[in-house]
Amino acid sequence: MKNNIKNLEEWEKNYFGIISSKKKSQLYFYLKFLNSKKFEKINGDIVEAGVFKGSSLISSALLLKTKKGFKNKKIWGYDTFSGFPKYSNKDDFKQFKKLYKTKQISHNHYKNILKLKKYHRLLKNTNIRANNISSSKKFNNTSLQLVKKKINFFNLSSKINLIKGGFKNTFKNEKNLPKKISAGLIDCDLFEGYEITLKFFWPRLSINGKLFLDEYYSLKFPGPRIAVNSFLKKNKDAVLVKEGVIGDFERWSIIKLGTIWK
């Protein structure tokens, strides 16, 4: 079997869920940052909260595998590998209305949310909930074994640490966290996931390091925006950054204040 990304045809990359750093995907700005000279100068490992089938995990590892700055870095991937944990009231779709009324989301953002609600009701004949709105449903269509097989196929086992379990229990053990973090991707959809990962990742994030927020702009999940906004109020060294727009969706990150790059 082939295990060199350069030898894979496009359909093979799609089969494994490999995302190119050159394509304008939802990971574009995240992969662009990992591919930058600025990133190489930042101390620490990479963290991903929300692995699912390992698409972003494998894609970022393959990108960094041949880079000099990745020689001493590892990627830590966290997931239950069994789907969503319990939801909080902050994940209720009705929270979007509160976010709009308090001007935490724009008029255009809220307009698209209402459109999605209308379409969902029309096609699914049910109200929107966190466990029925995603195309991946409850994100339980995966397993630790599946992701490990992909990692082994691309010879990445020495560069990736997979940690299975709920974040609340996982992060209580210091051995499950890197000492320093240079970058991270938070892609866990729910309020509690964002709240917990920000709490534990931020103190370990190096100056000028970035945490990319997959659902800060979302039409489905209000919890991440609520958690991030609350976090920003309490952490003055955290700056929210609009990376750009991909496919009509805003992409956001938070950067840790420090020396400004020239």
Protein backbone atom coordinates (compact mmCIF):
# COMPACT_ATOMS: atom_id res chain seq x y z
CA MET A 1 0.00 0.00 0.00
CA LYS A 2 1.07 3.58 -0.66
CA ASN A 3 1.81 5.73 2.33
CA ASN A 4 3.53 8.73 0.73
CA ILE A 5 1.12 11.61 0.24
CA LYS A 6 2.97 12.62 -2.94
CA ASN A 7 2.05 9.29 -4.52
CA LEU A 8 -1.66 9.53 -3.80
CA GLU A 9 -4.12 10.51 -6.49
CA GLU A 10 -6.81 13.08 -5.72
CA TRP A 11 -9.54 10.49 -5.15
CA GLU A 12 -7.29 8.67 -2.67
CA LYS A 13 -6.71 11.88 -0.71
CA ASN A 14 -10.48 12.42 -0.62
CA TYR A 15 -11.01 8.86 0.60
CA PHE A 16 -8.68 9.42 3.56
CA GLY A 17 -10.08 12.91 4.16
CA ILE A 18 -6.78 14.65 3.41
CA ILE A 19 -7.20 18.40 2.98
CA SER A 20 -4.64 20.36 0.97
CA SER A 21 -3.18 23.48 2.57
CA LYS A 22 -3.58 25.23 -0.80
CA LYS A 23 -7.32 24.70 -1.12
CA LYS A 24 -9.77 27.22 0.32
CA SER A 25 -11.31 24.77 2.78
CA GLN A 26 -12.51 25.48 6.32
CA LEU A 27 -8.96 24.58 7.45
CA TYR A 28 -7.26 26.97 5.04
CA PHE A 29 -6.15 29.60 7.57
CA TYR A 30 -5.21 26.98 10.17
CA LEU A 31 -3.00 25.06 7.73
CA LYS A 32 -1.61 28.31 6.36
CA PHE A 33 -0.49 29.29 9.85
CA LEU A 34 1.15 25.90 10.44
CA ASN A 35 2.96 26.30 7.13
CA SER A 36 4.30 29.77 7.97
CA LYS A 37 7.78 30.78 9.09
CA LYS A 38 6.18 32.59 12.03
CA PHE A 39 4.83 29.32 13.35
CA GLU A 40 8.25 27.63 13.27
CA LYS A 41 9.52 30.18 15.79
CA ILE A 42 6.77 29.45 18.33
CA ASN A 43 7.58 26.93 21.04
CA GLY A 44 5.24 24.06 21.79
CA ASP A 45 3.15 21.23 20.39
CA ILE A 46 -0.13 21.39 18.47
CA VAL A 47 -3.50 20.45 19.95
CA GLU A 48 -6.78 19.48 18.32
CA ALA A 49 -9.96 19.23 20.39
CA GLY A 50 -12.45 17.28 18.33
CA VAL A 51 -10.81 14.72 16.04
CA PHE A 52 -13.82 12.85 14.62
CA LYS A 53 -12.41 10.82 11.68
CA GLY A 54 -9.00 12.51 11.80
CA SER A 55 -9.21 14.68 8.70
CA SER A 56 -7.66 17.83 10.18
CA LEU A 57 -5.31 15.81 12.39
CA ILE A 58 -3.83 13.80 9.51
CA SER A 59 -3.79 16.77 7.12
CA SER A 60 -1.85 18.97 9.52
CA ALA A 61 0.58 16.17 10.44
CA LEU A 62 1.31 15.44 6.76
CA LEU A 63 1.87 19.13 6.10
CA LEU A 64 4.34 19.43 8.97
CA LYS A 65 6.05 16.08 8.59
CA THR A 66 8.81 17.33 6.29
CA LYS A 67 9.17 20.79 7.83
CA LYS A 68 12.24 21.58 9.87
CA GLY A 69 10.20 23.36 12.53
CA PHE A 70 8.14 20.22 13.13
CA LYS A 71 11.11 18.07 14.07
CA ASN A 72 10.52 18.40 17.81
CA LYS A 73 6.76 19.02 17.73
CA LYS A 74 3.86 16.61 18.21
CA ILE A 75 0.14 16.85 17.60
CA TRP A 76 -2.22 15.93 20.43
CA GLY A 77 -5.72 14.87 19.38
CA TYR A 78 -8.60 14.75 21.87
CA ASP A 79 -11.98 13.12 21.32
CA THR A 80 -14.47 10.74 22.90
CA PHE A 81 -14.50 8.84 19.58
CA SER A 82 -18.06 7.92 20.50
CA GLY A 83 -19.99 11.09 19.74
CA PHE A 84 -21.27 14.10 21.62
CA PRO A 85 -21.24 14.23 25.42
CA LYS A 86 -24.24 15.80 27.17
CA TYR A 87 -25.53 19.19 26.04
CA SER A 88 -25.96 22.31 28.16
CA ASN A 89 -28.63 24.98 27.88
CA LYS A 90 -26.01 27.12 26.13
CA ASP A 91 -26.25 24.73 23.18
CA ASP A 92 -29.97 25.34 22.71
CA PHE A 93 -30.62 26.78 19.24
CA LYS A 94 -32.70 29.53 20.87
CA GLN A 95 -29.46 31.03 22.22
CA PHE A 96 -28.84 32.52 18.78
CA LYS A 97 -31.72 34.93 19.34
CA LYS A 98 -30.08 36.16 22.56
CA LEU A 99 -26.75 36.56 20.79
CA TYR A 100 -28.42 38.68 18.12
CA LYS A 101 -30.33 40.84 20.60
CA THR A 102 -27.10 41.55 22.51
CA LYS A 103 -25.29 42.35 19.23
CA GLN A 104 -22.88 39.42 19.55
CA ILE A 105 -23.74 38.26 16.04
CA SER A 106 -24.49 40.37 12.97
CA HIS A 107 -27.82 40.85 11.22
CA ASN A 108 -26.62 38.87 8.21
CA HIS A 109 -25.39 36.04 10.45
CA TYR A 110 -28.75 35.83 12.20
CA LYS A 111 -30.64 36.03 8.90
CA ASN A 112 -28.80 32.93 7.66
CA ILE A 113 -29.48 31.14 10.95
CA LEU A 114 -33.21 31.73 10.52
CA LYS A 115 -33.02 30.45 6.94
CA LEU A 116 -31.36 27.26 8.12
CA LYS A 117 -34.05 26.84 10.78
CA LYS A 118 -36.73 27.20 8.11
CA TYR A 119 -35.06 24.69 5.78
CA HIS A 120 -34.50 22.19 8.57
CA ARG A 121 -38.13 22.36 9.62
CA LEU A 122 -39.28 21.98 6.00
CA LEU A 123 -37.09 18.99 5.12
CA LYS A 124 -36.76 17.20 8.46
CA ASN A 125 -40.15 18.11 9.91
CA THR A 126 -38.60 18.69 13.33
CA ASN A 127 -37.11 21.52 15.38
CA ILE A 128 -33.36 22.08 15.33
CA ARG A 129 -31.36 20.53 18.15
CA ALA A 130 -27.63 20.03 18.62
CA ASN A 131 -28.02 16.29 18.09
CA ASN A 132 -29.94 16.52 14.79
CA ILE A 133 -28.61 19.52 12.92
CA SER A 134 -25.15 18.34 11.87
CA SER A 135 -24.66 16.31 8.68
CA SER A 136 -22.50 14.04 10.87
CA LYS A 137 -25.42 13.69 13.33
CA LYS A 138 -23.99 12.94 16.80
CA PHE A 139 -20.41 12.45 15.49
CA ASN A 140 -20.42 8.84 16.65
CA ASN A 141 -19.65 7.42 13.19
CA THR A 142 -15.97 6.99 14.03
CA SER A 143 -13.66 5.13 16.39
CA LEU A 144 -10.21 5.34 17.93
CA GLN A 145 -9.19 2.32 15.85
CA LEU A 146 -10.25 3.99 12.60
CA VAL A 147 -8.13 7.08 13.23
CA LYS A 148 -5.17 4.97 14.39
CA LYS A 149 -5.28 3.00 11.13
CA LYS A 150 -5.03 6.24 9.15
CA ILE A 151 -2.14 7.41 11.32
CA ASN A 152 -0.27 4.15 10.81
CA PHE A 153 -0.95 4.14 7.07
CA PHE A 154 0.90 7.46 6.75
CA ASN A 155 3.64 6.52 9.24
CA LEU A 156 2.66 9.29 11.64
CA SER A 157 2.43 7.36 14.91
CA SER A 158 5.59 8.98 16.32
CA LYS A 159 4.16 12.45 15.71
CA ILE A 160 0.60 12.10 17.00
CA ASN A 161 -0.74 11.43 20.50
CA LEU A 162 -4.40 10.38 20.60
CA ILE A 163 -6.23 10.85 23.89
CA LYS A 164 -9.64 9.21 24.20
CA GLY A 165 -12.23 10.48 26.66
CA GLY A 166 -14.35 13.43 27.71
CA PHE A 167 -12.37 16.65 28.02
CA LYS A 168 -13.41 17.24 31.63
CA ASN A 169 -11.76 14.01 32.77
CA THR A 170 -8.96 13.95 30.20
CA PHE A 171 -7.43 17.29 31.14
CA LYS A 172 -7.34 16.53 34.85
CA ASN A 173 -4.29 14.37 34.13
CA GLU A 174 -1.25 16.54 33.36
CA LYS A 175 0.24 13.69 31.31
CA ASN A 176 -2.55 14.19 28.77
CA LEU A 177 -1.43 17.73 27.97
CA PRO A 178 1.72 19.16 26.38
CA LYS A 179 3.80 21.49 28.53
CA LYS A 180 3.69 24.19 25.84
CA ILE A 181 1.34 24.76 22.91
CA SER A 182 2.19 26.61 19.71
CA ALA A 183 -1.14 26.26 17.90
CA GLY A 184 -4.46 24.52 18.21
CA LEU A 185 -7.76 23.78 16.53
CA ILE A 186 -10.93 23.71 18.62
CA ASP A 187 -13.63 21.86 16.70
CA CYS A 188 -15.96 20.35 19.26
CA ASP A 189 -19.26 22.14 18.54
CA LEU A 190 -20.57 22.46 22.09
CA PHE A 191 -20.32 25.09 24.84
CA GLU A 192 -18.71 22.88 27.46
CA GLY A 193 -16.09 21.56 25.04
CA TYR A 194 -14.97 25.09 24.17
CA GLU A 195 -15.09 26.27 27.78
CA ILE A 196 -12.93 23.39 29.03
CA THR A 197 -10.38 23.37 26.21
CA LEU A 198 -9.84 27.13 26.41
CA LYS A 199 -9.35 26.85 30.17
CA PHE A 200 -6.61 24.23 29.84
CA PHE A 201 -5.01 25.20 26.53
CA TRP A 202 -4.63 28.92 27.14
CA PRO A 203 -2.12 28.85 30.05
CA ARG A 204 0.08 26.54 27.96
CA LEU A 205 -0.17 28.55 24.74
CA SER A 206 3.07 30.33 23.85
CA ILE A 207 3.19 34.06 23.11
CA ASN A 208 1.99 34.67 19.52
CA GLY A 209 0.47 31.19 19.43
CA LYS A 210 -3.02 30.81 17.98
CA LEU A 211 -6.09 28.74 18.73
CA PHE A 212 -8.38 28.41 15.71
CA LEU A 213 -12.11 28.35 16.48
CA ASP A 214 -13.99 26.19 14.00
CA GLU A 215 -17.48 27.07 15.23
CA TYR A 216 -17.13 30.68 16.37
CA TYR A 217 -19.11 31.51 13.24
CA SER A 218 -21.77 28.83 13.06
CA LEU A 219 -25.35 28.57 11.86
CA LYS A 220 -25.90 25.46 13.97
CA PHE A 221 -24.11 25.69 17.30
CA PRO A 222 -24.43 28.82 19.51
CA GLY A 223 -22.45 27.38 22.44
CA PRO A 224 -18.93 27.98 21.06
CA ARG A 225 -19.52 31.71 20.52
CA ILE A 226 -20.96 32.08 24.02
CA ALA A 227 -17.98 30.25 25.54
CA VAL A 228 -15.39 32.22 23.55
CA ASN A 229 -16.96 35.60 24.30
CA SER A 230 -17.04 34.79 28.00
CA PHE A 231 -13.40 33.67 27.85
CA LEU A 232 -12.31 36.87 26.10
CA LYS A 233 -13.83 39.02 28.84
CA LYS A 234 -11.75 37.22 31.46
CA ASN A 235 -8.44 37.03 29.54
CA LYS A 236 -7.07 40.38 28.42
CA ASP A 237 -4.06 38.76 26.73
CA ALA A 238 -6.43 37.00 24.30
CA VAL A 239 -7.22 38.82 21.06
CA LEU A 240 -9.95 37.68 18.68
CA VAL A 241 -8.78 37.63 15.06
CA LYS A 242 -10.94 37.41 11.94
CA GLU A 243 -8.74 35.34 9.63
CA GLY A 244 -10.98 35.80 6.59
CA VAL A 245 -14.03 34.32 4.88
CA ILE A 246 -14.23 30.89 3.22
CA GLY A 247 -17.38 29.95 1.35
CA ASP A 248 -19.43 32.74 2.99
CA PHE A 249 -18.35 31.55 6.45
CA GLU A 250 -16.14 33.71 8.66
CA ARG A 251 -13.06 31.99 10.07
CA TRP A 252 -11.79 33.15 13.49
CA SER A 253 -8.93 32.52 15.87
CA ILE A 254 -7.58 33.93 19.13
CA ILE A 255 -3.94 34.91 19.48
CA LYS A 256 -1.94 35.30 22.68
CA LEU A 257 -0.55 38.81 23.03
CA GLY A 258 3.18 39.29 23.03
CA THR A 259 5.92 40.66 20.82
CA ILE A 260 4.45 41.96 17.58
CA TRP A 261 5.97 40.42 14.46
CA LYS A 262 7.65 42.84 12.09
